[in-house]
Protein backbone atom coordinates (compact mmCIF):
# COMPACT_ATOMS: atom_id res chain seq x y z
CA UNK A 1 0.20 -0.27 0.09
CA UNK A 2 1.52 3.34 -1.12
CA UNK A 3 2.57 6.07 1.86
CA UNK A 4 0.35 8.56 0.69
CA UNK A 5 1.35 11.75 3.09
CA UNK A 6 3.39 11.64 5.53
CA UNK A 7 3.54 13.16 8.78
CA UNK A 8 7.54 13.83 8.54
CA UNK A 9 7.82 16.03 11.28
CA UNK A 10 6.61 13.53 14.10
CA UNK A 11 8.74 10.99 12.84
CA UNK A 12 13.03 11.19 14.47
CA UNK A 13 14.35 9.15 11.99
CA UNK A 14 13.70 12.46 9.33
CA UNK A 15 15.60 14.70 12.19
CA UNK A 16 18.99 16.01 11.07
CA UNK A 17 21.88 14.86 12.77
CA UNK A 18 22.33 17.28 14.87
CA UNK A 19 19.03 17.44 15.89
CA UNK A 20 18.94 15.73 20.15
CA UNK A 21 16.01 14.37 21.41
CA UNK A 22 14.76 15.97 24.40
CA UNK A 23 11.77 14.13 26.31
CA UNK A 24 8.52 16.24 26.97
CA UNK A 25 8.24 14.40 30.66
CA UNK A 26 11.98 15.70 31.48
CA UNK A 27 11.45 18.31 33.69
CA UNK A 28 8.19 16.89 35.47
CA UNK A 29 10.14 13.46 36.52
CA UNK A 30 13.42 14.51 37.85
CA UNK A 31 12.60 14.49 41.40
CA UNK A 32 9.90 11.72 40.62
CA UNK A 33 9.91 8.58 42.85
CA UNK A 34 11.35 5.13 42.12
CA UNK A 35 9.21 3.24 39.80
CA UNK A 36 7.96 6.12 37.29
CA UNK A 37 10.05 5.87 34.27
CA UNK A 38 10.15 7.98 31.25
CA UNK A 39 9.46 5.52 28.39
CA UNK A 40 8.44 8.27 26.10
CA UNK A 41 11.71 7.19 23.61
CA UNK A 42 9.59 4.98 22.12
CA UNK A 43 8.65 3.92 18.44
CA UNK A 44 4.75 4.58 17.76
CA UNK A 45 3.36 3.70 14.37
CA UNK A 46 -0.51 4.22 13.13
CA UNK A 47 -1.37 1.49 10.79
CA UNK A 48 -4.34 1.95 8.96
CA UNK A 49 -5.78 -0.82 6.87
CA UNK A 50 -7.56 -4.37 6.86
CA UNK A 51 -5.53 -4.43 10.65
CA UNK A 52 -7.70 -7.47 12.18
CA UNK A 53 -4.75 -10.20 11.69
CA UNK A 54 -1.79 -7.64 12.37
CA UNK A 55 0.63 -8.98 14.86
CA UNK A 56 4.07 -10.07 13.12
CA UNK A 57 5.48 -10.71 16.69
CA UNK A 58 4.50 -6.51 16.87
CA UNK A 59 2.87 -5.17 20.12
CA UNK A 60 -0.04 -4.08 18.31
CA UNK A 61 -3.17 -1.83 19.99
CA UNK A 62 -6.40 -2.15 18.01
CA UNK A 63 -8.44 1.12 17.99
CA UNK A 64 -11.08 -0.09 15.21
CA UNK A 65 -11.10 -3.13 12.68
CA UNK A 66 -8.91 -0.52 10.15
CA UNK A 67 -6.57 1.15 12.73
CA UNK A 68 -4.33 0.05 15.13
CA UNK A 69 -1.08 1.74 16.99
CA UNK A 70 1.91 -0.58 16.46
CA UNK A 71 4.84 0.14 19.61
CA UNK A 72 8.06 -0.76 18.95
CA UNK A 73 12.01 -0.08 20.03
CA UNK A 74 13.24 3.74 19.33
CA UNK A 75 16.21 2.14 16.95
CA UNK A 76 13.70 -0.08 15.29
CA UNK A 77 11.06 2.44 14.01
CA UNK A 78 11.99 3.33 10.86
CA UNK A 79 12.43 -0.45 9.88
CA UNK A 80 9.51 -1.52 11.62
CA UNK A 81 7.40 1.02 9.30
CA UNK A 82 9.11 0.07 6.33
CA UNK A 83 8.07 -4.03 6.65
CA UNK A 84 4.50 -2.58 7.78
CA UNK A 85 4.05 0.09 4.56
CA UNK A 86 4.27 -3.38 2.02
CA UNK A 87 0.98 -4.00 3.45
CA UNK A 88 -0.47 -0.85 5.39
CA UNK A 89 -0.88 2.51 5.58
CA UNK A 90 1.99 3.56 8.05
CA UNK A 91 2.71 6.50 9.59
CA UNK A 92 5.21 7.05 12.20
CA UNK A 93 3.46 9.32 15.23
CA UNK A 94 6.98 8.44 17.59
CA UNK A 95 7.26 12.48 18.18
CA UNK A 96 3.75 12.93 18.97
CA UNK A 97 3.32 10.37 22.21
CA UNK A 98 4.96 10.43 25.50
CA UNK A 99 5.34 7.71 27.62
CA UNK A 100 5.36 6.92 31.05
CA UNK A 101 6.33 3.02 32.98
CA UNK A 102 4.54 2.89 36.20
CA UNK A 103 4.98 0.34 38.98
CA UNK A 104 2.45 -0.72 40.69
CA UNK A 105 -1.14 -1.19 40.30
CA UNK A 106 -2.61 0.92 42.86
CA UNK A 107 -0.97 4.22 41.17
CA UNK A 108 -2.41 3.52 38.28
CA UNK A 109 -6.12 2.91 39.49
CA UNK A 110 -6.10 6.15 40.72
CA UNK A 111 -5.25 7.24 37.10
CA UNK A 112 -7.64 5.67 35.43
CA UNK A 113 -11.53 3.86 35.18
CA UNK A 114 -10.46 1.17 33.30
CA UNK A 115 -10.49 -2.36 33.70
CA UNK A 116 -6.84 -3.20 33.91
CA UNK A 117 -7.15 -7.09 33.66
CA UNK A 118 -8.40 -6.06 30.24
CA UNK A 119 -5.55 -4.20 28.77
CA UNK A 120 -4.32 -3.29 26.17
CA UNK A 121 -7.01 -0.43 26.18
CA UNK A 122 -7.98 3.15 25.50
CA UNK A 123 -9.55 5.40 27.79
CA UNK A 124 -8.80 8.27 30.43
CA UNK A 125 -5.86 8.67 32.28
CA UNK A 126 -5.34 11.68 34.09
CA UNK A 127 -7.96 12.93 32.38
CA UNK A 128 -6.49 12.69 29.15
CA UNK A 129 -6.99 10.21 26.61
CA UNK A 130 -4.23 7.62 26.52
CA UNK A 131 -3.48 4.09 25.30
CA UNK A 132 -2.46 2.13 28.59
CA UNK A 133 -0.55 -1.25 28.36
CA UNK A 134 0.59 -3.95 30.97
CA UNK A 135 4.38 -4.79 31.40
CA UNK A 136 3.80 -8.11 33.76
CA UNK A 137 2.28 -7.98 36.87
CA UNK A 138 2.46 -5.20 38.57
CA UNK A 139 3.96 -2.52 35.50
CA UNK A 140 1.99 -0.37 33.15
CA UNK A 141 2.70 1.61 30.36
CA UNK A 142 0.75 4.95 29.71
CA UNK A 143 1.01 6.84 26.03
CA UNK A 144 -0.55 10.10 25.37
CA UNK A 145 -0.51 12.80 23.37
CA UNK A 146 2.96 14.31 24.20
CA UNK A 147 1.53 18.28 24.67
CA UNK A 148 -0.15 16.98 27.67
CA UNK A 149 3.38 14.82 29.00
CA UNK A 150 4.38 17.77 31.63
CA UNK A 151 0.53 17.18 32.88
CA UNK A 152 0.33 13.91 33.17
CA UNK A 153 3.50 13.21 34.70
CA UNK A 154 2.84 15.63 37.70
CA UNK A 155 -0.10 13.39 38.31
CA UNK A 156 0.82 10.74 38.52
CA UNK A 157 4.08 11.76 40.39
CA UNK A 158 1.28 12.77 42.74
CA UNK A 159 -0.60 9.92 42.84
CA UNK A 160 2.40 7.70 43.40
CA UNK A 161 3.51 10.15 46.39
CA UNK A 162 -0.19 9.76 47.54
CA UNK A 163 0.07 5.83 47.53
CA UNK A 164 3.70 5.87 49.46
CA UNK A 165 2.15 8.26 52.30
CA UNK A 166 -1.17 6.04 52.63
């Protein structure tokens, strides 16, 4: 499938060699407690087409029968995008998302009403639309629009401090 239009400004592999990646969460997480980790440097691909059977060993979050988000290692984003473009309309939207790994279900329960046993899912986390994924028994990743990064990170830090104080 052809690539169609591309949002090159959201694709970090299109940046010049002089460009330096900065996390949108950097300032908000400067004094974060243990158990909160910045995972914004993750590849995020918006994939469209007949994605019901999309797997290919990738981490896929199905949004609709015709749209999915694929998460991959930052270093493999360009390669994964090229491979998926052979079958789907695929756009790298990595720079449009910020991400956090949060250790502790109690913290995540303070952030979202999503059923943590039915992840991955898309819903509200800290009143912002987010993709929530489970990483093992007690760790979760949240991906949300990067423009809300500082706010969401502050809410997560507050929730974590509330859990540790309680």
